[in-house]
Amino acid sequence: MDNGCLNLVSMVFSIMEKRKLTFCSCESLTGGLFGATVCSVPGASNYYRGGVITYVDDVKQRLGVSEKTLKEDTAISMKCACEMALSSEKFTGSDVAISFTGNAGPTAQDGKPVGEVWIGISYHGQAKAYKYQLEGDRNSIREQCVKEGLRQLLNNLA
């Protein structure tokens, strides 16, 4: 884990402390890497309520992503990222949620190229999603995704 990510996590914790907020995650392509990164920094339990890994579509549905979204927009979409964030925020009782969905490779999926990633952020029931086109191998894309997610979380909380 690179020190840049750990510094970003510490910055997120600082904002959470000042604003008396908690957060959670919902991960697909990152497969728990975001949660593992957050939990590697001491004090995580003060702010991080937990995470859900929804690697396949039926688990996304069980959490609250609509079947219509998955069929019409696919799992790699703005709509899915927003629904993942909102559903996990509600499930964990957090103030803020972050979600990750996309294609880490090695081949295109649902017509989406390798490296297409959506990061969703919800805050008290309002969600936004951000699209990225990342480069590299599977694990590099997953690691970049976590770092971009931390940056996006900071931008949204600032």
Protein backbone atom coordinates (compact mmCIF):
# COMPACT_ATOMS: atom_id res chain seq x y z
CA MET A 1 0.00 0.00 0.00
CA ASP A 2 1.49 3.31 -0.95
CA ASN A 3 1.99 6.12 1.53
CA GLY A 4 0.00 8.48 -0.69
CA CYS A 5 -3.15 6.43 -0.08
CA LEU A 6 -2.51 6.22 3.64
CA ASN A 7 -2.06 10.00 3.83
CA LEU A 8 -5.35 10.47 1.96
CA VAL A 9 -7.10 8.15 4.43
CA SER A 10 -5.72 10.21 7.34
CA MET A 11 -7.05 13.37 5.68
CA VAL A 12 -10.49 11.74 5.28
CA PHE A 13 -10.44 10.79 8.98
CA SER A 14 -9.58 14.37 9.93
CA ILE A 15 -12.58 15.73 8.02
CA MET A 16 -14.85 13.03 9.44
CA GLU A 17 -13.71 13.96 12.96
CA LYS A 18 -14.25 17.70 12.45
CA ARG A 19 -17.67 17.23 10.89
CA LYS A 20 -18.74 14.34 13.17
CA LEU A 21 -19.43 12.04 10.20
CA THR A 22 -19.16 8.33 9.50
CA PHE A 23 -18.66 6.61 6.16
CA CYS A 24 -18.91 3.25 4.46
CA SER A 25 -18.05 1.64 1.14
CA CYS A 26 -19.65 -0.53 -1.49
CA GLU A 27 -17.12 -2.21 -3.75
CA SER A 28 -17.34 -4.19 -6.94
CA LEU A 29 -14.15 -4.13 -9.04
CA THR A 30 -11.98 -3.17 -6.04
CA GLY A 31 -13.14 -6.29 -4.19
CA GLY A 32 -12.52 -4.94 -0.69
CA LEU A 33 -9.27 -3.10 -1.44
CA PHE A 34 -10.76 0.25 -0.39
CA GLY A 35 -11.95 -1.14 2.95
CA ALA A 36 -8.61 -2.85 3.55
CA THR A 37 -6.78 0.41 2.81
CA VAL A 38 -8.99 2.41 5.18
CA CYS A 39 -8.68 -0.18 7.95
CA SER A 40 -4.88 -0.18 7.72
CA VAL A 41 -4.84 3.31 9.28
CA PRO A 42 -5.26 3.42 13.08
CA GLY A 43 -8.55 4.94 14.21
CA ALA A 44 -10.61 3.60 11.31
CA SER A 45 -13.35 2.30 13.61
CA ASN A 46 -14.08 5.86 14.74
CA TYR A 47 -15.31 6.81 11.26
CA TYR A 48 -15.59 3.77 8.98
CA ARG A 49 -18.76 1.75 9.65
CA GLY A 50 -17.95 -1.00 7.18
CA GLY A 51 -18.14 -2.09 3.61
CA VAL A 52 -20.09 -4.34 1.32
CA ILE A 53 -18.55 -6.20 -1.60
CA THR A 54 -21.10 -6.56 -4.40
CA TYR A 55 -18.93 -8.23 -7.00
CA VAL A 56 -21.79 -9.75 -9.01
CA ASP A 57 -25.07 -8.25 -10.15
CA ASP A 58 -27.41 -10.37 -8.02
CA VAL A 59 -25.61 -9.22 -4.86
CA LYS A 60 -25.90 -5.61 -6.07
CA GLN A 61 -29.65 -6.22 -6.38
CA ARG A 62 -29.88 -7.72 -2.89
CA LEU A 63 -28.29 -4.55 -1.55
CA GLY A 64 -30.75 -2.32 -3.39
CA VAL A 65 -29.51 -1.65 -6.93
CA SER A 66 -32.51 -1.94 -9.24
CA GLU A 67 -32.78 -4.72 -11.78
CA LYS A 68 -33.78 -2.07 -14.32
CA THR A 69 -30.50 -0.19 -13.78
CA LEU A 70 -28.46 -3.36 -14.20
CA LYS A 71 -30.31 -4.36 -17.38
CA GLU A 72 -30.59 -0.96 -19.06
CA ASP A 73 -27.47 0.86 -17.86
CA THR A 74 -25.34 -2.14 -16.77
CA ALA A 75 -23.29 -2.44 -13.60
CA ILE A 76 -20.63 -0.19 -15.11
CA SER A 77 -22.63 3.03 -15.09
CA MET A 78 -23.28 6.28 -13.28
CA LYS A 79 -26.70 5.06 -12.18
CA CYS A 80 -25.34 1.83 -10.69
CA ALA A 81 -22.55 3.68 -8.83
CA CYS A 82 -25.11 6.08 -7.32
CA GLU A 83 -27.48 3.28 -6.31
CA MET A 84 -24.62 1.31 -4.76
CA ALA A 85 -23.56 4.32 -2.68
CA LEU A 86 -27.10 5.16 -1.57
CA SER A 87 -27.93 1.55 -0.71
CA SER A 88 -24.78 1.04 1.35
CA GLU A 89 -25.27 4.37 3.14
CA LYS A 90 -28.72 3.21 4.17
CA PHE A 91 -27.60 -0.35 5.00
CA THR A 92 -24.79 0.78 7.32
CA GLY A 93 -26.44 3.88 8.75
CA SER A 94 -23.52 6.02 7.61
CA ASP A 95 -23.55 9.71 6.74
CA VAL A 96 -21.39 9.24 3.66
CA ALA A 97 -20.83 6.33 1.28
CA ILE A 98 -18.44 5.64 -1.55
CA SER A 99 -18.94 3.04 -4.25
CA PHE A 100 -16.72 1.53 -6.91
CA THR A 101 -17.89 -0.20 -10.07
CA GLY A 102 -16.10 -0.75 -13.35
CA ASN A 103 -13.98 -3.01 -15.49
CA ALA A 104 -10.48 -3.88 -14.25
CA GLY A 105 -9.88 -6.21 -17.21
CA PRO A 106 -8.44 -8.11 -18.84
CA THR A 107 -11.19 -7.81 -21.52
CA ALA A 108 -14.12 -5.52 -22.33
CA GLN A 109 -17.29 -6.19 -20.33
CA ASP A 110 -20.86 -5.22 -21.27
CA GLY A 111 -19.39 -3.12 -24.07
CA LYS A 112 -17.29 -1.14 -21.57
CA PRO A 113 -13.53 -0.93 -22.13
CA VAL A 114 -10.93 -2.11 -19.66
CA GLY A 115 -10.26 0.70 -17.19
CA GLU A 116 -13.71 2.32 -17.29
CA VAL A 117 -14.59 3.01 -13.67
CA TRP A 118 -17.41 4.82 -11.89
CA ILE A 119 -16.97 6.11 -8.35
CA GLY A 120 -20.16 7.06 -6.53
CA ILE A 121 -20.38 9.30 -3.48
CA SER A 122 -23.51 9.75 -1.40
CA TYR A 123 -24.03 12.15 1.46
CA HIS A 124 -27.23 12.06 3.50
CA GLY A 125 -29.24 10.50 0.68
CA GLN A 126 -27.89 12.55 -2.25
CA ALA A 127 -25.56 10.83 -4.71
CA LYS A 128 -23.18 11.77 -7.51
CA ALA A 129 -20.92 9.61 -9.64
CA TYR A 130 -17.65 10.29 -11.42
CA LYS A 131 -16.30 8.48 -14.46
CA TYR A 132 -12.64 7.57 -14.92
CA GLN A 133 -10.73 5.86 -17.69
CA LEU A 134 -7.75 4.25 -15.98
CA GLU A 135 -4.76 2.56 -17.60
CA GLY A 136 -2.70 -0.44 -16.58
CA ASP A 137 -3.13 -4.06 -15.60
CA ARG A 138 -5.94 -5.37 -13.43
CA ASN A 139 -4.34 -4.70 -10.05
CA SER A 140 -2.97 -1.32 -11.10
CA ILE A 141 -6.48 -0.24 -12.14
CA ARG A 142 -7.89 -1.41 -8.79
CA GLU A 143 -5.19 0.48 -6.84
CA GLN A 144 -5.66 3.65 -8.90
CA CYS A 145 -9.40 3.36 -8.32
CA VAL A 146 -8.95 3.36 -4.53
CA LYS A 147 -6.65 6.40 -4.69
CA GLU A 148 -9.05 8.31 -6.97
CA GLY A 149 -11.91 7.37 -4.67
CA LEU A 150 -10.13 8.81 -1.65
CA ARG A 151 -9.41 12.01 -3.59
CA GLN A 152 -13.03 12.25 -4.69
CA LEU A 153 -14.21 11.69 -1.13
CA LEU A 154 -12.00 14.56 0.04
CA ASN A 155 -13.23 16.83 -2.78
CA ASN A 156 -16.85 16.13 -1.88
CA LEU A 157 -16.33 16.75 1.82
CA ALA A 158 -14.26 19.93 1.44
